[in-house]
Amino acid sequence: MVGEIKVEGKNVLFQLHGIDRILAIKSSLKVPVEHIIDVSTERADWQAFKQLKLAGSNIPGVVKDGRYYSPKDGWLFYEMHDPDKCVTVTLKDEKYNRIIFEVQDKEESANKLRKLIQS
């Protein structure tokens, strides 16, 4: 199931749906627009065995939801079933260094976020 990215004033809401809310142990993330420093549509990497899962679910090739720690990248939040449909949002001054989030149309979502951080 894909998530949804919404703009609410000066914040971006990453909304999880369906079973992903249970698998990620989280229903949404809210991030101030000024904390977003980059948005990428490159294919996400499962990185099996390179990250420590702290809360969530990981069945390689099926689902990766929740909070992870990577010695290289720090704290990460995943909502992913298909790594080709994800946007990766790089953050500053937040709990997570990156949010890797599956959406229906990654190019449209990424362009919307890029316009927000440029204005």
PDB file of N, CA and C in Angstrom:
ATOM      1  N   MET A   1       0.841  -1.172   0.000  1.00  0.00           N
ATOM      2  CA  MET A   1       0.000   0.000   0.000  1.00  0.00           C
ATOM      3  C   MET A   1       0.888   1.238   0.000  1.00  0.00           C
ATOM      4  N   VAL A   2       0.587   2.211  -0.819  1.00  0.00           N
ATOM      5  CA  VAL A   2       1.401   3.417  -0.921  1.00  0.00           C
ATOM      6  C   VAL A   2       0.938   4.461   0.091  1.00  0.00           C
ATOM      7  N   GLY A   3       1.873   5.335   0.449  1.00  0.00           N
ATOM      8  CA  GLY A   3       1.568   6.424   1.354  1.00  0.00           C
ATOM      9  C   GLY A   3       1.139   7.659   0.571  1.00  0.00           C
ATOM     10  N   GLU A   4       0.898   8.717   1.324  1.00  0.00           N
ATOM     11  CA  GLU A   4       0.454   9.969   0.722  1.00  0.00           C
ATOM     12  C   GLU A   4       1.231  11.114   1.358  1.00  0.00           C
ATOM     13  N   ILE A   5       1.666  12.049   0.528  1.00  0.00           N
ATOM     14  CA  ILE A   5       2.385  13.222   1.008  1.00  0.00           C
ATOM     15  C   ILE A   5       1.461  14.426   0.830  1.00  0.00           C
ATOM     16  N   LYS A   6       1.205  15.130   1.936  1.00  0.00           N
ATOM     17  CA  LYS A   6       0.318  16.299   1.924  1.00  0.00           C
ATOM     18  C   LYS A   6       1.067  17.507   2.458  1.00  0.00           C
ATOM     19  N   VAL A   7       0.706  18.677   1.953  1.00  0.00           N
ATOM     20  CA  VAL A   7       1.244  19.924   2.465  1.00  0.00           C
ATOM     21  C   VAL A   7       0.183  20.538   3.362  1.00  0.00           C
ATOM     22  N   GLU A   8       0.586  20.844   4.595  1.00  0.00           N
ATOM     23  CA  GLU A   8      -0.310  21.471   5.563  1.00  0.00           C
ATOM     24  C   GLU A   8       0.369  22.732   6.088  1.00  0.00           C
ATOM     25  N   GLY A   9       0.077  23.853   5.452  1.00  0.00           N
ATOM     26  CA  GLY A   9       0.718  25.105   5.843  1.00  0.00           C
ATOM     27  C   GLY A   9       2.202  25.051   5.579  1.00  0.00           C
ATOM     28  N   LYS A  10       3.012  25.206   6.634  1.00  0.00           N
ATOM     29  CA  LYS A  10       4.468  25.185   6.507  1.00  0.00           C
ATOM     30  C   LYS A  10       5.053  23.821   6.852  1.00  0.00           C
ATOM     31  N   ASN A  11       4.207  22.798   6.835  1.00  0.00           N
ATOM     32  CA  ASN A  11       4.634  21.434   7.158  1.00  0.00           C
ATOM     33  C   ASN A  11       4.278  20.473   6.032  1.00  0.00           C
ATOM     34  N   VAL A  12       5.036  19.392   5.968  1.00  0.00           N
ATOM     35  CA  VAL A  12       4.741  18.294   5.042  1.00  0.00           C
ATOM     36  C   VAL A  12       4.350  17.101   5.898  1.00  0.00           C
ATOM     37  N   LEU A  13       3.211  16.494   5.567  1.00  0.00           N
ATOM     38  CA  LEU A  13       2.710  15.333   6.297  1.00  0.00           C
ATOM     39  C   LEU A  13       2.897  14.093   5.428  1.00  0.00           C
ATOM     40  N   PHE A  14       3.612  13.108   5.962  1.00  0.00           N
ATOM     41  CA  PHE A  14       3.796  11.820   5.309  1.00  0.00           C
ATOM     42  C   PHE A  14       2.799  10.879   5.975  1.00  0.00           C
ATOM     43  N   GLN A  15       1.732  10.540   5.255  1.00  0.00           N
ATOM     44  CA  GLN A  15       0.623   9.768   5.820  1.00  0.00           C
ATOM     45  C   GLN A  15       0.691   8.315   5.355  1.00  0.00           C
ATOM     46  N   LEU A  16       0.747   7.392   6.308  1.00  0.00           N
ATOM     47  CA  LEU A  16       0.734   5.968   6.001  1.00  0.00           C
ATOM     48  C   LEU A  16      -0.705   5.479   5.986  1.00  0.00           C
ATOM     49  N   HIS A  17      -0.970   4.454   5.193  1.00  0.00           N
ATOM     50  CA  HIS A  17      -2.327   3.914   5.070  1.00  0.00           C
ATOM     51  C   HIS A  17      -2.339   2.407   5.310  1.00  0.00           C
ATOM     52  N   GLY A  18      -3.509   1.905   5.673  1.00  0.00           N
ATOM     53  CA  GLY A  18      -3.737   0.469   5.782  1.00  0.00           C
ATOM     54  C   GLY A  18      -2.795  -0.242   6.738  1.00  0.00           C
ATOM     55  N   ILE A  19      -2.357  -1.410   6.323  1.00  0.00           N
ATOM     56  CA  ILE A  19      -1.507  -2.270   7.153  1.00  0.00           C
ATOM     57  C   ILE A  19      -0.164  -1.618   7.466  1.00  0.00           C
ATOM     58  N   ASP A  20       0.285  -0.690   6.623  1.00  0.00           N
ATOM     59  CA  ASP A  20       1.566  -0.030   6.858  1.00  0.00           C
ATOM     60  C   ASP A  20       1.580   0.754   8.167  1.00  0.00           C
ATOM     61  N   ARG A  21       0.439   1.237   8.603  1.00  0.00           N
ATOM     62  CA  ARG A  21       0.363   1.941   9.887  1.00  0.00           C
ATOM     63  C   ARG A  21       0.743   1.004  11.032  1.00  0.00           C
ATOM     64  N   ILE A  22       0.365  -0.247  10.899  1.00  0.00           N
ATOM     65  CA  ILE A  22       0.688  -1.240  11.928  1.00  0.00           C
ATOM     66  C   ILE A  22       2.134  -1.712  11.770  1.00  0.00           C
ATOM     67  N   LEU A  23       2.541  -1.997  10.539  1.00  0.00           N
ATOM     68  CA  LEU A  23       3.894  -2.500  10.293  1.00  0.00           C
ATOM     69  C   LEU A  23       4.965  -1.479  10.668  1.00  0.00           C
ATOM     70  N   ALA A  24       4.697  -0.200  10.450  1.00  0.00           N
ATOM     71  CA  ALA A  24       5.670   0.852  10.751  1.00  0.00           C
ATOM     72  C   ALA A  24       5.579   1.326  12.199  1.00  0.00           C
ATOM     73  N   ILE A  25       4.507   0.917  12.874  1.00  0.00           N
ATOM     74  CA  ILE A  25       4.231   1.366  14.235  1.00  0.00           C
ATOM     75  C   ILE A  25       4.156   2.898  14.258  1.00  0.00           C
ATOM     76  N   LYS A  26       3.552   3.460  13.223  1.00  0.00           N
ATOM     77  CA  LYS A  26       3.412   4.905  13.075  1.00  0.00           C
ATOM     78  C   LYS A  26       2.371   5.159  11.994  1.00  0.00           C
ATOM     79  N   SER A  27       1.549   6.196  12.191  1.00  0.00           N
ATOM     80  CA  SER A  27       0.537   6.501  11.182  1.00  0.00           C
ATOM     81  C   SER A  27       0.910   7.687  10.307  1.00  0.00           C
ATOM     82  N   SER A  28       1.801   8.561  10.804  1.00  0.00           N
ATOM     83  CA  SER A  28       2.207   9.707  10.005  1.00  0.00           C
ATOM     84  C   SER A  28       3.474  10.338  10.573  1.00  0.00           C
ATOM     85  N   LEU A  29       4.111  11.143   9.744  1.00  0.00           N
ATOM     86  CA  LEU A  29       5.261  11.953  10.137  1.00  0.00           C
ATOM     87  C   LEU A  29       4.993  13.370   9.657  1.00  0.00           C
ATOM     88  N   LYS A  30       5.280  14.357  10.488  1.00  0.00           N
ATOM     89  CA  LYS A  30       5.114  15.757  10.101  1.00  0.00           C
ATOM     90  C   LYS A  30       6.482  16.426  10.171  1.00  0.00           C
ATOM     91  N   VAL A  31       6.851  17.103   9.074  1.00  0.00           N
ATOM     92  CA  VAL A  31       8.160  17.735   8.962  1.00  0.00           C
ATOM     93  C   VAL A  31       7.981  19.171   8.473  1.00  0.00           C
ATOM     94  N   PRO A  32       8.609  20.142   9.135  1.00  0.00           N
ATOM     95  CA  PRO A  32       8.573  21.517   8.618  1.00  0.00           C
ATOM     96  C   PRO A  32       9.267  21.589   7.257  1.00  0.00           C
ATOM     97  N   VAL A  33       8.703  22.354   6.345  1.00  0.00           N
ATOM     98  CA  VAL A  33       9.265  22.483   5.000  1.00  0.00           C
ATOM     99  C   VAL A  33      10.725  22.927   5.061  1.00  0.00           C
ATOM    100  N   GLU A  34      11.059  23.846   5.982  1.00  0.00           N
ATOM    101  CA  GLU A  34      12.431  24.362   6.035  1.00  0.00           C
ATOM    102  C   GLU A  34      13.446  23.311   6.485  1.00  0.00           C
ATOM    103  N   HIS A  35      12.996  22.164   6.955  1.00  0.00           N
ATOM    104  CA  HIS A  35      13.914  21.087   7.345  1.00  0.00           C
ATOM    105  C   HIS A  35      14.209  20.112   6.202  1.00  0.00           C
ATOM    106  N   ILE A  36      13.540  20.289   5.081  1.00  0.00           N
ATOM    107  CA  ILE A  36      13.794  19.438   3.905  1.00  0.00           C
ATOM    108  C   ILE A  36      14.916  20.066   3.094  1.00  0.00           C
ATOM    109  N   ILE A  37      16.000  19.301   2.879  1.00  0.00           N
ATOM    110  CA  ILE A  37      17.133  19.858   2.125  1.00  0.00           C
ATOM    111  C   ILE A  37      17.317  19.232   0.741  1.00  0.00           C
ATOM    112  N   ASP A  38      16.714  18.058   0.525  1.00  0.00           N
ATOM    113  CA  ASP A  38      16.865  17.423  -0.782  1.00  0.00           C
ATOM    114  C   ASP A  38      15.766  16.385  -0.980  1.00  0.00           C
ATOM    115  N   VAL A  39      15.408  16.171  -2.249  1.00  0.00           N
ATOM    116  CA  VAL A  39      14.410  15.167  -2.609  1.00  0.00           C
ATOM    117  C   VAL A  39      14.953  14.387  -3.804  1.00  0.00           C
ATOM    118  N   SER A  40      14.941  13.063  -3.696  1.00  0.00           N
ATOM    119  CA  SER A  40      15.469  12.208  -4.758  1.00  0.00           C
ATOM    120  C   SER A  40      14.415  11.181  -5.184  1.00  0.00           C
ATOM    121  N   THR A  41      14.458  10.815  -6.462  1.00  0.00           N
ATOM    122  CA  THR A  41      13.581   9.757  -6.971  1.00  0.00           C
ATOM    123  C   THR A  41      14.392   8.528  -7.399  1.00  0.00           C
ATOM    124  N   GLU A  42      15.671   8.482  -7.004  1.00  0.00           N
ATOM    125  CA  GLU A  42      16.491   7.314  -7.325  1.00  0.00           C
ATOM    126  C   GLU A  42      15.921   6.085  -6.628  1.00  0.00           C
ATOM    127  N   ARG A  43      16.144   4.940  -7.229  1.00  0.00           N
ATOM    128  CA  ARG A  43      15.651   3.680  -6.658  1.00  0.00           C
ATOM    129  C   ARG A  43      16.175   3.500  -5.237  1.00  0.00           C
ATOM    130  N   ALA A  44      15.294   3.208  -4.327  1.00  0.00           N
ATOM    131  CA  ALA A  44      15.677   2.973  -2.929  1.00  0.00           C
ATOM    132  C   ALA A  44      16.350   1.612  -2.809  1.00  0.00           C
ATOM    133  N   ASP A  45      17.231   1.486  -1.837  1.00  0.00           N
ATOM    134  CA  ASP A  45      17.978   0.249  -1.626  1.00  0.00           C
ATOM    135  C   ASP A  45      17.463  -0.439  -0.363  1.00  0.00           C
ATOM    136  N   TRP A  46      17.205  -1.740  -0.441  1.00  0.00           N
ATOM    137  CA  TRP A  46      16.747  -2.480   0.740  1.00  0.00           C
ATOM    138  C   TRP A  46      17.825  -2.524   1.817  1.00  0.00           C
ATOM    139  N   GLN A  47      19.081  -2.584   1.433  1.00  0.00           N
ATOM    140  CA  GLN A  47      20.217  -2.645   2.344  1.00  0.00           C
ATOM    141  C   GLN A  47      20.016  -3.679   3.457  1.00  0.00           C
ATOM    142  N   ALA A  48      19.656  -4.849   3.069  1.00  0.00           N
ATOM    143  CA  ALA A  48      19.478  -5.922   4.052  1.00  0.00           C
ATOM    144  C   ALA A  48      20.778  -6.137   4.827  1.00  0.00           C
ATOM    145  N   PHE A  49      20.659  -6.242   6.125  1.00  0.00           N
ATOM    146  CA  PHE A  49      21.763  -6.504   7.048  1.00  0.00           C
ATOM    147  C   PHE A  49      22.758  -5.347   7.189  1.00  0.00           C
ATOM    148  N   LYS A  50      22.477  -4.183   6.611  1.00  0.00           N
ATOM    149  CA  LYS A  50      23.343  -3.021   6.764  1.00  0.00           C
ATOM    150  C   LYS A  50      22.712  -1.977   7.679  1.00  0.00           C
ATOM    151  N   GLN A  51      21.491  -2.247   8.136  1.00  0.00           N
ATOM    152  CA  GLN A  51      20.774  -1.320   8.999  1.00  0.00           C
ATOM    153  C   GLN A  51      20.172  -2.078  10.168  1.00  0.00           C
ATOM    154  N   LEU A  52      20.047  -1.389  11.276  1.00  0.00           N
ATOM    155  CA  LEU A  52      19.446  -1.965  12.459  1.00  0.00           C
ATOM    156  C   LEU A  52      17.987  -1.520  12.532  1.00  0.00           C
ATOM    157  N   LYS A  53      17.070  -2.485  12.541  1.00  0.00           N
ATOM    158  CA  LYS A  53      15.645  -2.176  12.650  1.00  0.00           C
ATOM    159  C   LYS A  53      15.321  -1.957  14.123  1.00  0.00           C
ATOM    160  N   LEU A  54      14.751  -0.793  14.433  1.00  0.00           N
ATOM    161  CA  LEU A  54      14.416  -0.511  15.818  1.00  0.00           C
ATOM    162  C   LEU A  54      12.926  -0.643  16.086  1.00  0.00           C
ATOM    163  N   ALA A  55      12.109  -0.271  15.140  1.00  0.00           N
ATOM    164  CA  ALA A  55      10.662  -0.434  15.284  1.00  0.00           C
ATOM    165  C   ALA A  55      10.080  -0.510  13.880  1.00  0.00           C
ATOM    166  N   GLY A  56       9.447  -1.609  13.573  1.00  0.00           N
ATOM    167  CA  GLY A  56       8.874  -1.759  12.248  1.00  0.00           C
ATOM    168  C   GLY A  56       8.980  -3.166  11.733  1.00  0.00           C
ATOM    169  N   SER A  57       8.917  -3.296  10.416  1.00  0.00           N
ATOM    170  CA  SER A  57       8.896  -4.600   9.763  1.00  0.00           C
ATOM    171  C   SER A  57       9.835  -4.598   8.571  1.00  0.00           C
ATOM    172  N   ASN A  58      10.442  -5.755   8.303  1.00  0.00           N
ATOM    173  CA  ASN A  58      11.298  -5.888   7.140  1.00  0.00           C
ATOM    174  C   ASN A  58      11.240  -7.320   6.635  1.00  0.00           C
ATOM    175  N   ILE A  59      10.644  -7.484   5.473  1.00  0.00           N
ATOM    176  CA  ILE A  59      10.663  -8.738   4.742  1.00  0.00           C
ATOM    177  C   ILE A  59      11.264  -8.378   3.381  1.00  0.00           C
ATOM    178  N   PRO A  60      12.576  -8.624   3.188  1.00  0.00           N
ATOM    179  CA  PRO A  60      13.244  -8.176   1.969  1.00  0.00           C
ATOM    180  C   PRO A  60      12.478  -8.549   0.699  1.00  0.00           C
ATOM    181  N   GLY A  61      12.303  -7.536  -0.149  1.00  0.00           N
ATOM    182  CA  GLY A  61      11.585  -7.707  -1.399  1.00  0.00           C
ATOM    183  C   GLY A  61      10.081  -7.620  -1.268  1.00  0.00           C
ATOM    184  N   VAL A  62       9.561  -7.503  -0.032  1.00  0.00           N
ATOM    185  CA  VAL A  62       8.113  -7.441   0.190  1.00  0.00           C
ATOM    186  C   VAL A  62       7.712  -6.138   0.878  1.00  0.00           C
ATOM    187  N   VAL A  63       8.301  -5.853   2.039  1.00  0.00           N
ATOM    188  CA  VAL A  63       7.945  -4.643   2.787  1.00  0.00           C
ATOM    189  C   VAL A  63       9.096  -4.220   3.691  1.00  0.00           C
ATOM    190  N   LYS A  64       9.267  -2.918   3.804  1.00  0.00           N
ATOM    191  CA  LYS A  64      10.205  -2.338   4.766  1.00  0.00           C
ATOM    192  C   LYS A  64       9.531  -1.084   5.313  1.00  0.00           C
ATOM    193  N   ASP A  65       9.055  -1.171   6.533  1.00  0.00           N
ATOM    194  CA  ASP A  65       8.337  -0.079   7.183  1.00  0.00           C
ATOM    195  C   ASP A  65       8.946   0.185   8.549  1.00  0.00           C
ATOM    196  N   GLY A  66       9.053   1.442   8.922  1.00  0.00           N
ATOM    197  CA  GLY A  66       9.445   1.784  10.273  1.00  0.00           C
ATOM    198  C   GLY A  66      10.789   2.468  10.394  1.00  0.00           C
ATOM    199  N   ARG A  67      11.330   2.428  11.613  1.00  0.00           N
ATOM    200  CA  ARG A  67      12.549   3.137  11.997  1.00  0.00           C
ATOM    201  C   ARG A  67      13.769   2.222  11.924  1.00  0.00           C
ATOM    202  N   TYR A  68      14.803   2.754  11.294  1.00  0.00           N
ATOM    203  CA  TYR A  68      16.044   2.017  11.116  1.00  0.00           C
ATOM    204  C   TYR A  68      17.227   2.923  11.429  1.00  0.00           C
ATOM    205  N   TYR A  69      18.313   2.289  11.841  1.00  0.00           N
ATOM    206  CA  TYR A  69      19.547   3.039  12.054  1.00  0.00           C
ATOM    207  C   TYR A  69      20.633   2.460  11.159  1.00  0.00           C
ATOM    208  N   SER A  70      21.331   3.346  10.472  1.00  0.00           N
ATOM    209  CA  SER A  70      22.443   2.965   9.605  1.00  0.00           C
ATOM    210  C   SER A  70      23.698   3.670  10.112  1.00  0.00           C
ATOM    211  N   PRO A  71      24.798   2.939  10.322  1.00  0.00           N
ATOM    212  CA  PRO A  71      26.032   3.602  10.747  1.00  0.00           C
ATOM    213  C   PRO A  71      26.484   4.683   9.759  1.00  0.00           C
ATOM    214  N   LYS A  72      26.177   4.483   8.503  1.00  0.00           N
ATOM    215  CA  LYS A  72      26.573   5.438   7.463  1.00  0.00           C
ATOM    216  C   LYS A  72      25.611   6.623   7.371  1.00  0.00           C
ATOM    217  N   ASP A  73      24.294   6.377   7.439  1.00  0.00           N
ATOM    218  CA  ASP A  73      23.290   7.408   7.169  1.00  0.00           C
ATOM    219  C   ASP A  73      22.531   7.904   8.393  1.00  0.00           C
ATOM    220  N   GLY A  74      22.731   7.300   9.549  1.00  0.00           N
ATOM    221  CA  GLY A  74      22.008   7.721  10.747  1.00  0.00           C
ATOM    222  C   GLY A  74      20.590   7.167  10.772  1.00  0.00           C
ATOM    223  N   TRP A  75      19.675   7.917  11.375  1.00  0.00           N
ATOM    224  CA  TRP A  75      18.283   7.473  11.517  1.00  0.00           C
ATOM    225  C   TRP A  75      17.517   7.623  10.208  1.00  0.00           C
ATOM    226  N   LEU A  76      16.776   6.574   9.854  1.00  0.00           N
ATOM    227  CA  LEU A  76      15.995   6.534   8.616  1.00  0.00           C
ATOM    228  C   LEU A  76      14.582   6.068   8.939  1.00  0.00           C
ATOM    229  N   PHE A  77      13.620   6.551   8.155  1.00  0.00           N
ATOM    230  CA  PHE A  77      12.253   6.048   8.261  1.00  0.00           C
ATOM    231  C   PHE A  77      11.839   5.537   6.888  1.00  0.00           C
ATOM    232  N   TYR A  78      11.348   4.286   6.852  1.00  0.00           N
ATOM    233  CA  TYR A  78      10.922   3.660   5.601  1.00  0.00           C
ATOM    234  C   TYR A  78       9.422   3.401   5.596  1.00  0.00           C
ATOM    235  N   GLU A  79       8.831   3.601   4.419  1.00  0.00           N
ATOM    236  CA  GLU A  79       7.489   3.106   4.094  1.00  0.00           C
ATOM    237  C   GLU A  79       7.643   2.623   2.660  1.00  0.00           C
ATOM    238  N   MET A  80       7.965   1.338   2.478  1.00  0.00           N
ATOM    239  CA  MET A  80       8.358   0.865   1.156  1.00  0.00           C
ATOM    240  C   MET A  80       7.923  -0.580   0.913  1.00  0.00           C
ATOM    241  N   HIS A  81       7.316  -0.761  -0.245  1.00  0.00           N
ATOM    242  CA  HIS A  81       7.027  -2.095  -0.772  1.00  0.00           C
ATOM    243  C   HIS A  81       7.758  -2.267  -2.106  1.00  0.00           C
ATOM    244  N   ASP A  82       7.788  -1.194  -2.901  1.00  0.00           N
ATOM    245  CA  ASP A  82       8.426  -1.215  -4.212  1.00  0.00           C
ATOM    246  C   ASP A  82       9.477  -0.104  -4.244  1.00  0.00           C
ATOM    247  N   PRO A  83      10.759  -0.447  -4.215  1.00  0.00           N
ATOM    248  CA  PRO A  83      11.809   0.574  -4.173  1.00  0.00           C
ATOM    249  C   PRO A  83      11.844   1.488  -5.399  1.00  0.00           C
ATOM    250  N   ASP A  84      11.173   1.101  -6.477  1.00  0.00           N
ATOM    251  CA  ASP A  84      11.122   1.946  -7.671  1.00  0.00           C
ATOM    252  C   ASP A  84      10.054   3.036  -7.582  1.00  0.00           C
ATOM    253  N   LYS A  85       9.217   3.000  -6.548  1.00  0.00           N
ATOM    254  CA  LYS A  85       8.134   3.978  -6.403  1.00  0.00           C
ATOM    255  C   LYS A  85       8.345   4.920  -5.225  1.00  0.00           C
ATOM    256  N   CYS A  86       9.582   5.009  -4.738  1.00  0.00           N
ATOM    257  CA  CYS A  86       9.858   5.791  -3.530  1.00  0.00           C
ATOM    258  C   CYS A  86      10.496   7.140  -3.838  1.00  0.00           C
ATOM    259  N   VAL A  87      10.192   8.098  -2.991  1.00  0.00           N
ATOM    260  CA  VAL A  87      10.936   9.348  -2.930  1.00  0.00           C
ATOM    261  C   VAL A  87      11.780   9.279  -1.658  1.00  0.00           C
ATOM    262  N   THR A  88      12.978   9.801  -1.745  1.00  0.00           N
ATOM    263  CA  THR A  88      13.856   9.884  -0.580  1.00  0.00           C
ATOM    264  C   THR A  88      14.003  11.351  -0.229  1.00  0.00           C
ATOM    265  N   VAL A  89      13.582  11.694   0.980  1.00  0.00           N
ATOM    266  CA  VAL A  89      13.601  13.079   1.447  1.00  0.00           C
ATOM    267  C   VAL A  89      14.709  13.192   2.494  1.00  0.00           C
ATOM    268  N   THR A  90      15.703  14.036   2.209  1.00  0.00           N
ATOM    269  CA  THR A  90      16.808  14.260   3.130  1.00  0.00           C
ATOM    270  C   THR A  90      16.469  15.464   4.004  1.00  0.00           C
ATOM    271  N   LEU A  91      16.698  15.289   5.322  1.00  0.00           N
ATOM    272  CA  LEU A  91      16.277  16.288   6.297  1.00  0.00           C
ATOM    273  C   LEU A  91      17.443  16.830   7.107  1.00  0.00           C
ATOM    274  N   LYS A  92      17.233  17.999   7.700  1.00  0.00           N
ATOM    275  CA  LYS A  92      18.165  18.560   8.680  1.00  0.00           C
ATOM    276  C   LYS A  92      17.368  18.894   9.940  1.00  0.00           C
ATOM    277  N   ASP A  93      18.021  18.856  11.063  1.00  0.00           N
ATOM    278  CA  ASP A  93      17.410  19.228  12.347  1.00  0.00           C
ATOM    279  C   ASP A  93      16.153  18.425  12.668  1.00  0.00           C
ATOM    280  N   GLU A  94      16.146  17.154  12.295  1.00  0.00           N
ATOM    281  CA  GLU A  94      15.007  16.274  12.543  1.00  0.00           C
ATOM    282  C   GLU A  94      15.490  14.967  13.162  1.00  0.00           C
ATOM    283  N   LYS A  95      14.567  14.218  13.711  1.00  0.00           N
ATOM    284  CA  LYS A  95      14.874  12.907  14.294  1.00  0.00           C
ATOM    285  C   LYS A  95      15.468  11.968  13.238  1.00  0.00           C
ATOM    286  N   TYR A  96      14.889  12.007  12.029  1.00  0.00           N
ATOM    287  CA  TYR A  96      15.347  11.156  10.931  1.00  0.00           C
ATOM    288  C   TYR A  96      16.198  11.975   9.974  1.00  0.00           C
ATOM    289  N   ASN A  97      17.269  11.370   9.473  1.00  0.00           N
ATOM    290  CA  ASN A  97      18.094  12.020   8.455  1.00  0.00           C
ATOM    291  C   ASN A  97      17.470  11.893   7.081  1.00  0.00           C
ATOM    292  N   ARG A  98      16.715  10.800   6.898  1.00  0.00           N
ATOM    293  CA  ARG A  98      16.021  10.574   5.617  1.00  0.00           C
ATOM    294  C   ARG A  98      14.706   9.874   5.856  1.00  0.00           C
ATOM    295  N   ILE A  99      13.750  10.209   4.985  1.00  0.00           N
ATOM    296  CA  ILE A  99      12.489   9.477   4.921  1.00  0.00           C
ATOM    297  C   ILE A  99      12.429   8.870   3.532  1.00  0.00           C
ATOM    298  N   ILE A 100      12.289   7.562   3.466  1.00  0.00           N
ATOM    299  CA  ILE A 100      12.157   6.847   2.202  1.00  0.00           C
ATOM    300  C   ILE A 100      10.708   6.402   2.149  1.00  0.00           C
ATOM    301  N   PHE A 101       9.950   6.975   1.199  1.00  0.00           N
ATOM    302  CA  PHE A 101       8.494   6.880   1.261  1.00  0.00           C
ATOM    303  C   PHE A 101       7.910   6.524  -0.103  1.00  0.00           C
ATOM    304  N   GLU A 102       7.155   5.443  -0.140  1.00  0.00           N
ATOM    305  CA  GLU A 102       6.524   5.004  -1.390  1.00  0.00           C
ATOM    306  C   GLU A 102       5.242   5.786  -1.636  1.00  0.00           C
ATOM    307  N   VAL A 103       5.098   6.270  -2.863  1.00  0.00           N
ATOM    308  CA  VAL A 103       3.919   7.040  -3.270  1.00  0.00           C
ATOM    309  C   VAL A 103       3.414   6.526  -4.617  1.00  0.00           C
ATOM    310  N   GLN A 104       2.230   6.948  -4.973  1.00  0.00           N
ATOM    311  CA  GLN A 104       1.628   6.529  -6.242  1.00  0.00           C
ATOM    312  C   GLN A 104       2.442   7.034  -7.435  1.00  0.00           C
ATOM    313  N   ASP A 105       2.798   8.337  -7.413  1.00  0.00           N
ATOM    314  CA  ASP A 105       3.554   8.952  -8.505  1.00  0.00           C
ATOM    315  C   ASP A 105       4.755   9.676  -7.909  1.00  0.00           C
ATOM    316  N   LYS A 106       5.908   9.033  -7.944  1.00  0.00           N
ATOM    317  CA  LYS A 106       7.078   9.601  -7.273  1.00  0.00           C
ATOM    318  C   LYS A 106       7.567  10.886  -7.934  1.00  0.00           C
ATOM    319  N   GLU A 107       7.458  11.001  -9.240  1.00  0.00           N
ATOM    320  CA  GLU A 107       7.916  12.220  -9.921  1.00  0.00           C
ATOM    321  C   GLU A 107       7.034  13.406  -9.531  1.00  0.00           C
ATOM    322  N   GLU A 108       5.727  13.212  -9.499  1.00  0.00           N
ATOM    323  CA  GLU A 108       4.814  14.286  -9.106  1.00  0.00           C
ATOM    324  C   GLU A 108       5.059  14.702  -7.656  1.00  0.00           C
ATOM    325  N   SER A 109       5.202  13.738  -6.768  1.00  0.00           N
ATOM    326  CA  SER A 109       5.451  14.028  -5.356  1.00  0.00           C
ATOM    327  C   SER A 109       6.784  14.745  -5.168  1.00  0.00           C
ATOM    328  N   ALA A 110       7.817  14.282  -5.846  1.00  0.00           N
ATOM    329  CA  ALA A 110       9.136  14.902  -5.730  1.00  0.00           C
ATOM    330  C   ALA A 110       9.115  16.334  -6.259  1.00  0.00           C
ATOM    331  N   ASN A 111       8.454  16.560  -7.383  1.00  0.00           N
ATOM    332  CA  ASN A 111       8.375  17.910  -7.943  1.00  0.00           C
ATOM    333  C   ASN A 111       7.622  18.852  -7.009  1.00  0.00           C
ATOM    334  N   LYS A 112       6.562  18.365  -6.385  1.00  0.00           N
ATOM    335  CA  LYS A 112       5.798  19.181  -5.432  1.00  0.00           C
ATOM    336  C   LYS A 112       6.697  19.584  -4.251  1.00  0.00           C
ATOM    337  N   LEU A 113       7.458  18.633  -3.735  1.00  0.00           N
ATOM    338  CA  LEU A 113       8.353  18.927  -2.610  1.00  0.00           C
ATOM    339  C   LEU A 113       9.495  19.859  -3.025  1.00  0.00           C
ATOM    340  N   ARG A 114      10.034  19.656  -4.200  1.00  0.00           N
ATOM    341  CA  ARG A 114      11.135  20.529  -4.688  1.00  0.00           C
ATOM    342  C   ARG A 114      10.661  21.977  -4.825  1.00  0.00           C
ATOM    343  N   LYS A 115       9.449  22.155  -5.342  1.00  0.00           N
ATOM    344  CA  LYS A 115       8.909  23.514  -5.467  1.00  0.00           C
ATOM    345  C   LYS A 115       8.741  24.161  -4.103  1.00  0.00           C
ATOM    346  N   LEU A 116       8.314  23.387  -3.124  1.00  0.00           N
ATOM    347  CA  LEU A 116       8.144  23.908  -1.768  1.00  0.00           C
ATOM    348  C   LEU A 116       9.465  24.385  -1.165  1.00  0.00           C
ATOM    349  N   ILE A 117      10.518  23.590  -1.321  1.00  0.00           N
ATOM    350  CA  ILE A 117      11.780  23.949  -0.679  1.00  0.00           C
ATOM    351  C   ILE A 117      12.515  25.054  -1.437  1.00  0.00           C
ATOM    352  N   GLN A 118      12.131  25.297  -2.688  1.00  0.00           N
ATOM    353  CA  GLN A 118      12.755  26.368  -3.455  1.00  0.00           C
ATOM    354  C   GLN A 118      12.094  27.714  -3.209  1.00  0.00           C
ATOM    355  N   SER A 119      10.872  27.695  -2.677  1.00  0.00           N
ATOM    356  CA  SER A 119      10.169  28.982  -2.491  1.00  0.00           C
ATOM    357  C   SER A 119      10.449  29.600  -1.147  1.00  0.00           C
TER     358      SER A 119
END
